[in-house]
Amino acid sequence: MAASEETSETLMCGACRRTGTFTAPVSVILLFAPGLERPYPLIPAEDYRVCGACDAVFTLIDRAAQAHPMTKTAGPWSRAVVVFVDGHGVDVRAKRPGQQVALA
């Protein structure tokens, strides 16, 4: 699994190795990138959950973007909206070194 590894009864994060707080399974990732006219939906083939204790959501989005031919060639993603099966979601902005935000 990209964001977590499942053991017999509990989930352990593959990034920080903590057990505990995880989201509901991911339903869809809406990916924003410079080469896309509009957000591109990525629907996971498996039940991926995201660790709430670290930045594993960035790893999940990076791997999902690299796994699909359309998003792989669209340039680095700038934003993603991750929607979970329970209806909750999270708006994620890419964190890149040297990235500056324009102020109006």
C-alpha atoms as a PDB file:
ATOM      1  CA  MET A   1       0.000   0.000   0.000  1.00  0.00           C
ATOM      2  CA  ALA A   2       1.224   3.501  -0.751  1.00  0.00           C
ATOM      3  CA  ALA A   3       0.275   5.283   2.442  1.00  0.00           C
ATOM      4  CA  SER A   4       0.058   2.425   4.883  1.00  0.00           C
ATOM      5  CA  GLU A   5       0.868  -1.228   5.415  1.00  0.00           C
ATOM      6  CA  GLU A   6      -1.834  -3.437   6.873  1.00  0.00           C
ATOM      7  CA  THR A   7      -0.942  -5.927   9.591  1.00  0.00           C
ATOM      8  CA  SER A   8      -3.192  -8.576  11.120  1.00  0.00           C
ATOM      9  CA  GLU A   9      -5.350  -6.195  13.202  1.00  0.00           C
ATOM     10  CA  THR A  10      -3.930  -2.680  13.079  1.00  0.00           C
ATOM     11  CA  LEU A  11      -2.653  -0.397  10.376  1.00  0.00           C
ATOM     12  CA  MET A  12       0.921   0.820  10.440  1.00  0.00           C
ATOM     13  CA  CYS A  13       2.055   3.780   8.370  1.00  0.00           C
ATOM     14  CA  GLY A  14       4.684   2.944   5.779  1.00  0.00           C
ATOM     15  CA  ALA A  15       6.194   6.433   6.111  1.00  0.00           C
ATOM     16  CA  CYS A  16       6.393   7.088   9.873  1.00  0.00           C
ATOM     17  CA  ARG A  17       5.827   3.528  11.166  1.00  0.00           C
ATOM     18  CA  ARG A  18       3.173   4.692  13.624  1.00  0.00           C
ATOM     19  CA  THR A  19      -0.057   2.828  14.279  1.00  0.00           C
ATOM     20  CA  GLY A  20      -3.302   4.534  15.060  1.00  0.00           C
ATOM     21  CA  THR A  21      -5.188   7.270  13.288  1.00  0.00           C
ATOM     22  CA  PHE A  22      -6.030   6.582   9.657  1.00  0.00           C
ATOM     23  CA  THR A  23      -8.665   8.000   7.349  1.00  0.00           C
ATOM     24  CA  ALA A  24     -11.455   6.087   5.716  1.00  0.00           C
ATOM     25  CA  PRO A  25     -10.413   4.529   2.369  1.00  0.00           C
ATOM     26  CA  VAL A  26      -9.699   6.981  -0.456  1.00  0.00           C
ATOM     27  CA  SER A  27     -12.553   7.229  -2.947  1.00  0.00           C
ATOM     28  CA  VAL A  28     -11.000   9.588  -5.507  1.00  0.00           C
ATOM     29  CA  ILE A  29      -8.068  11.979  -5.913  1.00  0.00           C
ATOM     30  CA  LEU A  30      -8.720  15.057  -8.026  1.00  0.00           C
ATOM     31  CA  LEU A  31      -5.321  16.077  -9.344  1.00  0.00           C
ATOM     32  CA  PHE A  32      -4.443  19.581 -10.539  1.00  0.00           C
ATOM     33  CA  ALA A  33      -1.358  20.021 -12.740  1.00  0.00           C
ATOM     34  CA  PRO A  34      -0.168  22.598 -15.298  1.00  0.00           C
ATOM     35  CA  GLY A  35      -0.664  20.260 -18.262  1.00  0.00           C
ATOM     36  CA  LEU A  36      -4.282  19.417 -17.425  1.00  0.00           C
ATOM     37  CA  GLU A  37      -7.230  21.495 -18.640  1.00  0.00           C
ATOM     38  CA  ARG A  38      -9.222  20.574 -15.542  1.00  0.00           C
ATOM     39  CA  PRO A  39      -8.680  18.411 -12.455  1.00  0.00           C
ATOM     40  CA  TYR A  40      -8.104  14.787 -13.386  1.00  0.00           C
ATOM     41  CA  PRO A  41      -9.846  12.120 -11.260  1.00  0.00           C
ATOM     42  CA  LEU A  42      -7.698   9.236 -10.082  1.00  0.00           C
ATOM     43  CA  ILE A  43      -9.708   6.337  -8.649  1.00  0.00           C
ATOM     44  CA  PRO A  44      -7.666   3.858  -6.597  1.00  0.00           C
ATOM     45  CA  ALA A  45      -7.937   0.157  -7.453  1.00  0.00           C
ATOM     46  CA  GLU A  46      -7.431  -0.797  -3.795  1.00  0.00           C
ATOM     47  CA  ASP A  47      -8.457   0.540  -0.386  1.00  0.00           C
ATOM     48  CA  TYR A  48      -5.815   3.115   0.502  1.00  0.00           C
ATOM     49  CA  ARG A  49      -6.003   4.896   3.843  1.00  0.00           C
ATOM     50  CA  VAL A  50      -3.943   7.903   4.857  1.00  0.00           C
ATOM     51  CA  CYS A  51      -2.017   8.253   8.125  1.00  0.00           C
ATOM     52  CA  GLY A  52      -3.134  11.238  10.172  1.00  0.00           C
ATOM     53  CA  ALA A  53       0.166  11.488  12.065  1.00  0.00           C
ATOM     54  CA  CYS A  54       2.477  12.408   9.176  1.00  0.00           C
ATOM     55  CA  ASP A  55       2.641  13.669   5.575  1.00  0.00           C
ATOM     56  CA  ALA A  56       1.929  10.273   3.970  1.00  0.00           C
ATOM     57  CA  VAL A  57      -0.810  11.887   1.875  1.00  0.00           C
ATOM     58  CA  PHE A  58       1.925  13.538  -0.230  1.00  0.00           C
ATOM     59  CA  THR A  59       3.463  10.126  -0.961  1.00  0.00           C
ATOM     60  CA  LEU A  60       0.074   8.731  -1.943  1.00  0.00           C
ATOM     61  CA  ILE A  61      -0.595  11.632  -4.330  1.00  0.00           C
ATOM     62  CA  ASP A  62       2.917  11.494  -5.832  1.00  0.00           C
ATOM     63  CA  ARG A  63       2.645   7.760  -6.494  1.00  0.00           C
ATOM     64  CA  ALA A  64      -0.874   8.060  -7.905  1.00  0.00           C
ATOM     65  CA  ALA A  65       0.214  10.871 -10.248  1.00  0.00           C
ATOM     66  CA  GLN A  66       3.207   8.850 -11.495  1.00  0.00           C
ATOM     67  CA  ALA A  67       1.133   5.686 -12.001  1.00  0.00           C
ATOM     68  CA  HIS A  68      -1.283   7.149 -14.563  1.00  0.00           C
ATOM     69  CA  PRO A  69      -0.056   8.042 -18.086  1.00  0.00           C
ATOM     70  CA  MET A  70      -2.233  11.181 -18.337  1.00  0.00           C
ATOM     71  CA  THR A  71      -1.039  12.737 -15.086  1.00  0.00           C
ATOM     72  CA  LYS A  72       2.540  11.482 -15.414  1.00  0.00           C
ATOM     73  CA  THR A  73       3.091  13.714 -18.448  1.00  0.00           C
ATOM     74  CA  ALA A  74       1.092  16.709 -17.148  1.00  0.00           C
ATOM     75  CA  GLY A  75       3.930  18.147 -15.101  1.00  0.00           C
ATOM     76  CA  PRO A  76       4.307  18.313 -11.327  1.00  0.00           C
ATOM     77  CA  TRP A  77       0.987  18.416  -9.500  1.00  0.00           C
ATOM     78  CA  SER A  78       0.204  21.658  -7.709  1.00  0.00           C
ATOM     79  CA  ARG A  79      -2.935  20.701  -5.801  1.00  0.00           C
ATOM     80  CA  ALA A  80      -5.000  17.611  -5.066  1.00  0.00           C
ATOM     81  CA  VAL A  81      -8.373  17.103  -3.445  1.00  0.00           C
ATOM     82  CA  VAL A  82      -8.532  13.709  -1.760  1.00  0.00           C
ATOM     83  CA  VAL A  83     -12.076  12.482  -1.090  1.00  0.00           C
ATOM     84  CA  PHE A  84     -12.686   9.557   1.261  1.00  0.00           C
ATOM     85  CA  VAL A  85     -15.552   7.046   1.130  1.00  0.00           C
ATOM     86  CA  ASP A  86     -17.091   8.547   4.273  1.00  0.00           C
ATOM     87  CA  GLY A  87     -17.591  11.851   2.412  1.00  0.00           C
ATOM     88  CA  HIS A  88     -14.792  13.768   4.113  1.00  0.00           C
ATOM     89  CA  GLY A  89     -11.958  15.214   2.105  1.00  0.00           C
ATOM     90  CA  VAL A  90      -8.740  17.139   2.274  1.00  0.00           C
ATOM     91  CA  ASP A  91      -7.343  19.854   0.003  1.00  0.00           C
ATOM     92  CA  VAL A  92      -3.594  19.315  -0.405  1.00  0.00           C
ATOM     93  CA  ARG A  93      -1.153  21.851  -1.853  1.00  0.00           C
ATOM     94  CA  ALA A  94       2.190  20.602  -3.154  1.00  0.00           C
ATOM     95  CA  LYS A  95       5.216  21.359  -0.981  1.00  0.00           C
ATOM     96  CA  ARG A  96       8.310  21.917  -3.076  1.00  0.00           C
ATOM     97  CA  PRO A  97      11.650  23.438  -2.088  1.00  0.00           C
ATOM     98  CA  GLY A  98      12.112  26.955  -3.376  1.00  0.00           C
ATOM     99  CA  GLN A  99       8.460  27.318  -4.259  1.00  0.00           C
ATOM    100  CA  GLN A 100       7.242  30.886  -3.824  1.00  0.00           C
ATOM    101  CA  VAL A 101       3.715  32.095  -3.474  1.00  0.00           C
ATOM    102  CA  ALA A 102       2.710  35.161  -5.462  1.00  0.00           C
ATOM    103  CA  LEU A 103       1.130  37.892  -3.408  1.00  0.00           C
ATOM    104  CA  ALA A 104      -1.478  40.200  -4.884  1.00  0.00           C
END
